[in-house]
Amino acid sequence: MIYATASIWLVVVVLLAWAVHHVWSGITKPKTVNAVLLPGTLIAQLGRILGLLVTGATVNHTALMKDDDSGGPATDADPQPKLPIIGPVLVALLPMVALGALIYLAIAKLGMPVVVKVPQDLIATELPGTLAAFWGQLRGLITLAEGTLNAVQTAETPQWRVILFAYLMICLTVRMAPLPGNFRGHLGAIVTLGVIAWIVGSISAQMPGIIERAWPLLSLTVGWLLLLLMITLVVRGVLTSVRMVLNLDD
């Protein structure tokens, strides 16, 4: 059951990252957003290119940011993987694994004073079986976002480490959003990871323990993206209200 639950939480991470990136791109130019997220944009694009090459696509030229209004990562001819089904999954999987590995390193090197204060038990290790449990999980997510903010504010570490950690977490977690045209590949990649973990877990008794030890990382990622989304929606609401009051759209 823990494999299915972890997979669903990974889907939640992807959807939250997608929502944050989408709203940010509506507030300011997408090119500005991608420039701010440069470390994450670089890793995601490198992972995508590697996935394309492994699956038989030809990549002649690439850019971190287009010159048009979208400002997103691009390749010249928009190459597609030649392996059906497996290709899109692999193209999505490699950036996710790379970003996940860097999130782990950022937490291990800079964010341990933060992660130890995040209430990791607020995301369930089992799927809610009743309506009451479902609503309880939603309340837990709000508390998790609050706990994540408190953990950052009260972290017992130099301020510059907190700022650097926060910036890296923003870049890496928001870039977990699917690159254009490969949302199904992301879902397939998450399902693939869950199946692989389940197969390994049926062979080795250590796999459930590995997932449990990774739960604080997953909790922090979910709490972080949820906090970003809440702040973003508030900012967007304020900006929209100000424009309406001042009639800036007229």
Protein backbone atom coordinates (compact mmCIF):
# COMPACT_ATOMS: atom_id res chain seq x y z
CA MET A 1 0.00 0.00 0.00
CA ILE A 2 2.86 2.38 0.77
CA TYR A 3 4.01 2.16 -2.87
CA ALA A 4 0.63 3.31 -4.19
CA THR A 5 0.44 6.05 -1.58
CA ALA A 6 3.93 7.33 -2.40
CA SER A 7 3.04 7.34 -6.11
CA ILE A 8 -0.09 9.39 -5.46
CA TRP A 9 1.89 11.90 -3.42
CA LEU A 10 4.36 12.20 -6.30
CA VAL A 11 1.43 12.97 -8.59
CA VAL A 12 0.38 15.64 -6.08
CA VAL A 13 3.90 17.10 -6.20
CA VAL A 14 3.80 17.27 -10.02
CA LEU A 15 0.34 18.89 -10.02
CA LEU A 16 1.29 21.43 -7.36
CA ALA A 17 4.49 22.31 -9.24
CA TRP A 18 2.50 22.68 -12.46
CA ALA A 19 -0.05 24.92 -10.75
CA VAL A 20 2.62 27.16 -9.21
CA HIS A 21 4.47 27.52 -12.51
CA HIS A 22 1.22 28.22 -14.39
CA VAL A 23 0.09 30.93 -11.97
CA TRP A 24 3.54 32.54 -11.91
CA SER A 25 3.53 32.60 -15.71
CA GLY A 26 0.20 34.44 -15.56
CA ILE A 27 1.54 37.07 -13.17
CA THR A 28 4.73 37.83 -15.10
CA LYS A 29 6.33 36.77 -18.37
CA PRO A 30 7.07 33.03 -18.56
CA LYS A 31 10.59 33.87 -19.71
CA THR A 32 11.16 35.75 -16.45
CA VAL A 33 9.85 32.78 -14.47
CA ASN A 34 12.15 30.36 -16.27
CA ALA A 35 15.09 32.69 -15.76
CA VAL A 36 14.42 32.90 -12.01
CA LEU A 37 14.20 29.11 -11.89
CA LEU A 38 17.45 28.77 -13.86
CA PRO A 39 19.09 25.96 -11.82
CA GLY A 40 15.96 23.84 -12.01
CA THR A 41 15.37 24.77 -15.65
CA LEU A 42 18.92 23.67 -16.53
CA ILE A 43 18.60 20.30 -14.80
CA ALA A 44 15.17 19.61 -16.27
CA GLN A 45 16.34 20.45 -19.80
CA LEU A 46 19.51 18.36 -19.50
CA GLY A 47 17.47 15.41 -18.24
CA ARG A 48 15.01 15.81 -21.11
CA ILE A 49 17.79 15.97 -23.72
CA LEU A 50 19.43 12.85 -22.27
CA GLY A 51 16.09 11.06 -22.35
CA LEU A 52 15.54 12.06 -25.97
CA LEU A 53 18.99 10.86 -26.99
CA VAL A 54 18.60 7.55 -25.16
CA THR A 55 15.26 6.92 -26.86
CA GLY A 56 16.61 7.52 -30.35
CA ALA A 57 15.65 11.13 -31.03
CA THR A 58 18.05 13.51 -32.77
CA VAL A 59 18.72 16.77 -30.95
CA ASN A 60 20.60 19.26 -33.11
CA HIS A 61 20.22 22.48 -31.16
CA THR A 62 18.74 23.33 -27.81
CA ALA A 63 18.11 26.40 -25.68
CA LEU A 64 17.28 26.94 -22.04
CA MET A 65 14.79 29.65 -22.96
CA LYS A 66 13.04 30.41 -26.23
CA ASP A 67 13.15 33.89 -27.70
CA ASP A 68 9.35 34.01 -27.90
CA ASP A 69 6.91 34.91 -25.12
CA SER A 70 6.83 31.39 -23.69
CA GLY A 71 10.50 31.58 -22.77
CA GLY A 72 10.57 27.87 -22.04
CA PRO A 73 13.27 25.27 -22.73
CA ALA A 74 13.25 24.18 -26.36
CA THR A 75 14.98 22.20 -29.05
CA ASP A 76 15.05 23.25 -32.70
CA ALA A 77 12.87 20.62 -34.32
CA ASP A 78 10.90 19.55 -31.22
CA PRO A 79 12.26 15.98 -31.44
CA GLN A 80 10.13 13.09 -30.24
CA PRO A 81 11.36 9.81 -28.73
CA LYS A 82 11.26 6.96 -31.23
CA LEU A 83 10.35 4.32 -28.66
CA PRO A 84 6.56 4.16 -28.24
CA ILE A 85 5.17 4.40 -24.69
CA ILE A 86 8.57 3.83 -23.08
CA GLY A 87 10.10 6.89 -24.78
CA PRO A 88 7.86 9.61 -23.29
CA VAL A 89 8.08 7.90 -19.89
CA LEU A 90 11.88 7.90 -19.96
CA VAL A 91 12.01 11.51 -21.20
CA ALA A 92 9.91 12.53 -18.19
CA LEU A 93 11.57 10.16 -15.74
CA LEU A 94 15.15 11.37 -16.10
CA PRO A 95 14.44 15.04 -15.24
CA MET A 96 12.31 13.95 -12.27
CA VAL A 97 15.03 11.66 -10.94
CA ALA A 98 17.71 14.33 -11.43
CA LEU A 99 15.61 17.00 -9.69
CA GLY A 100 14.73 14.58 -6.89
CA ALA A 101 18.40 13.76 -6.36
CA LEU A 102 19.31 17.45 -6.17
CA ILE A 103 16.45 18.14 -3.76
CA TYR A 104 17.87 15.38 -1.55
CA LEU A 105 21.36 16.91 -1.75
CA ALA A 106 20.02 20.40 -0.98
CA ILE A 107 18.25 19.06 2.09
CA ALA A 108 21.24 16.98 3.20
CA LYS A 109 23.76 19.80 2.80
CA LEU A 110 21.69 22.88 3.69
CA GLY A 111 18.23 21.97 4.86
CA MET A 112 18.51 19.48 7.72
CA PRO A 113 17.76 22.18 10.34
CA VAL A 114 14.57 22.86 8.37
CA VAL A 115 13.43 19.33 7.58
CA VAL A 116 13.73 18.14 11.20
CA LYS A 117 11.07 20.71 12.17
CA VAL A 118 8.62 19.84 9.39
CA PRO A 119 5.72 17.72 10.73
CA GLN A 120 6.24 14.74 8.43
CA ASP A 121 3.36 12.71 9.88
CA LEU A 122 0.83 15.07 8.28
CA ILE A 123 0.87 13.27 4.94
CA ALA A 124 -0.64 9.82 5.29
CA THR A 125 1.28 6.66 4.44
CA GLU A 126 -2.04 4.99 3.60
CA LEU A 127 -4.80 6.17 1.29
CA PRO A 128 -7.78 7.71 3.12
CA GLY A 129 -10.44 5.03 3.36
CA THR A 130 -13.31 7.20 4.55
CA LEU A 131 -14.67 10.66 3.82
CA ALA A 132 -13.65 11.79 7.30
CA ALA A 133 -10.10 10.63 6.67
CA PHE A 134 -10.06 12.51 3.36
CA TRP A 135 -11.11 15.78 4.99
CA GLY A 136 -8.65 15.13 7.79
CA GLN A 137 -5.88 14.80 5.22
CA LEU A 138 -6.86 18.12 3.62
CA ARG A 139 -6.70 19.82 7.03
CA GLY A 140 -3.34 18.13 7.55
CA LEU A 141 -2.01 19.65 4.32
CA ILE A 142 -2.88 23.16 5.50
CA THR A 143 -1.10 22.45 8.78
CA LEU A 144 1.85 21.04 6.82
CA ALA A 145 2.17 24.28 4.84
CA GLU A 146 2.10 26.23 8.10
CA GLY A 147 4.66 23.90 9.66
CA THR A 148 6.94 24.27 6.63
CA LEU A 149 6.88 28.05 6.95
CA ASN A 150 7.56 27.85 10.67
CA ALA A 151 10.42 25.42 10.06
CA VAL A 152 12.08 27.86 7.66
CA GLN A 153 11.60 30.81 10.01
CA THR A 154 12.94 29.04 13.10
CA ALA A 155 15.73 26.98 11.51
CA GLU A 156 18.84 27.05 13.71
CA THR A 157 21.31 27.78 10.94
CA PRO A 158 22.96 30.89 9.44
CA GLN A 159 20.56 33.10 7.49
CA TRP A 160 22.48 32.80 4.23
CA ARG A 161 22.09 29.01 4.33
CA VAL A 162 18.34 29.36 4.81
CA ILE A 163 18.09 31.81 1.90
CA LEU A 164 20.19 29.61 -0.39
CA PHE A 165 18.23 26.53 0.62
CA ALA A 166 14.90 28.29 0.03
CA TYR A 167 16.00 29.47 -3.42
CA LEU A 168 17.21 26.02 -4.46
CA MET A 169 14.03 24.40 -3.18
CA ILE A 170 11.92 26.87 -5.17
CA CYS A 171 13.91 26.22 -8.35
CA LEU A 172 14.01 22.44 -8.03
CA THR A 173 10.49 21.75 -6.76
CA VAL A 174 8.66 24.08 -9.16
CA ARG A 175 10.62 22.55 -12.04
CA MET A 176 9.05 19.19 -11.20
CA ALA A 177 6.22 20.51 -13.36
CA PRO A 178 5.86 18.65 -16.67
CA LEU A 179 7.65 20.15 -19.62
CA PRO A 180 5.23 21.13 -22.42
CA GLY A 181 3.66 18.21 -24.24
CA ASN A 182 4.71 15.43 -21.88
CA PHE A 183 2.21 15.38 -19.01
CA ARG A 184 1.23 11.78 -19.78
CA GLY A 185 4.89 10.87 -19.73
CA HIS A 186 5.18 12.27 -16.21
CA LEU A 187 2.22 10.22 -15.02
CA GLY A 188 3.70 7.15 -16.71
CA ALA A 189 7.06 7.83 -15.06
CA ILE A 190 5.47 7.99 -11.60
CA VAL A 191 3.55 4.75 -12.21
CA THR A 192 6.78 3.15 -13.44
CA LEU A 193 8.64 4.21 -10.30
CA GLY A 194 5.86 2.81 -8.14
CA VAL A 195 5.86 -0.52 -9.99
CA ILE A 196 9.66 -0.79 -9.80
CA ALA A 197 9.58 -0.03 -6.07
CA TRP A 198 6.87 -2.65 -5.57
CA ILE A 199 8.83 -5.29 -7.49
CA VAL A 200 12.03 -4.52 -5.58
CA GLY A 201 10.06 -4.49 -2.33
CA SER A 202 8.69 -7.97 -3.05
CA ILE A 203 12.27 -9.19 -3.38
CA SER A 204 14.00 -7.13 -0.70
CA ALA A 205 12.52 -6.31 2.71
CA GLN A 206 14.58 -3.11 2.81
CA MET A 207 12.53 -1.17 0.24
CA PRO A 208 9.65 -0.18 2.59
CA GLY A 209 12.23 1.12 5.04
CA ILE A 210 13.89 3.18 2.31
CA ILE A 211 10.57 4.76 1.41
CA GLU A 212 9.81 5.48 5.06
CA ARG A 213 13.20 7.18 5.47
CA ALA A 214 12.44 9.27 2.36
CA TRP A 215 9.07 10.36 3.79
CA PRO A 216 10.48 13.54 5.44
CA LEU A 217 11.83 14.61 2.04
CA LEU A 218 8.45 13.95 0.45
CA SER A 219 6.67 15.80 3.27
CA LEU A 220 8.90 18.83 2.89
CA THR A 221 8.43 18.87 -0.90
CA VAL A 222 4.64 18.68 -0.63
CA GLY A 223 4.54 21.30 2.14
CA TRP A 224 6.90 23.58 0.24
CA LEU A 225 4.92 23.52 -3.00
CA LEU A 226 1.62 23.92 -1.16
CA LEU A 227 3.01 26.93 0.68
CA LEU A 228 4.26 28.45 -2.59
CA LEU A 229 0.86 27.90 -4.20
CA MET A 230 -1.00 29.51 -1.31
CA ILE A 231 1.30 32.55 -1.30
CA THR A 232 1.10 32.80 -5.08
CA LEU A 233 -2.69 32.73 -5.12
CA VAL A 234 -2.86 35.43 -2.45
CA VAL A 235 -0.44 37.64 -4.40
CA ARG A 236 -2.33 37.08 -7.63
CA GLY A 237 -5.62 37.88 -5.92
CA VAL A 238 -4.22 41.11 -4.49
CA LEU A 239 -2.76 42.18 -7.84
CA THR A 240 -6.00 41.39 -9.67
CA SER A 241 -8.03 43.32 -7.10
CA VAL A 242 -5.74 46.34 -7.34
CA ARG A 243 -5.98 46.34 -11.14
CA MET A 244 -9.76 46.14 -10.95
CA VAL A 245 -9.99 48.98 -8.41
CA LEU A 246 -7.65 51.20 -10.37
CA ASN A 247 -9.21 50.18 -13.70
CA LEU A 248 -5.77 49.41 -15.08
CA ASP A 249 -7.28 46.94 -17.54
CA ASP A 250 -9.40 49.66 -19.22
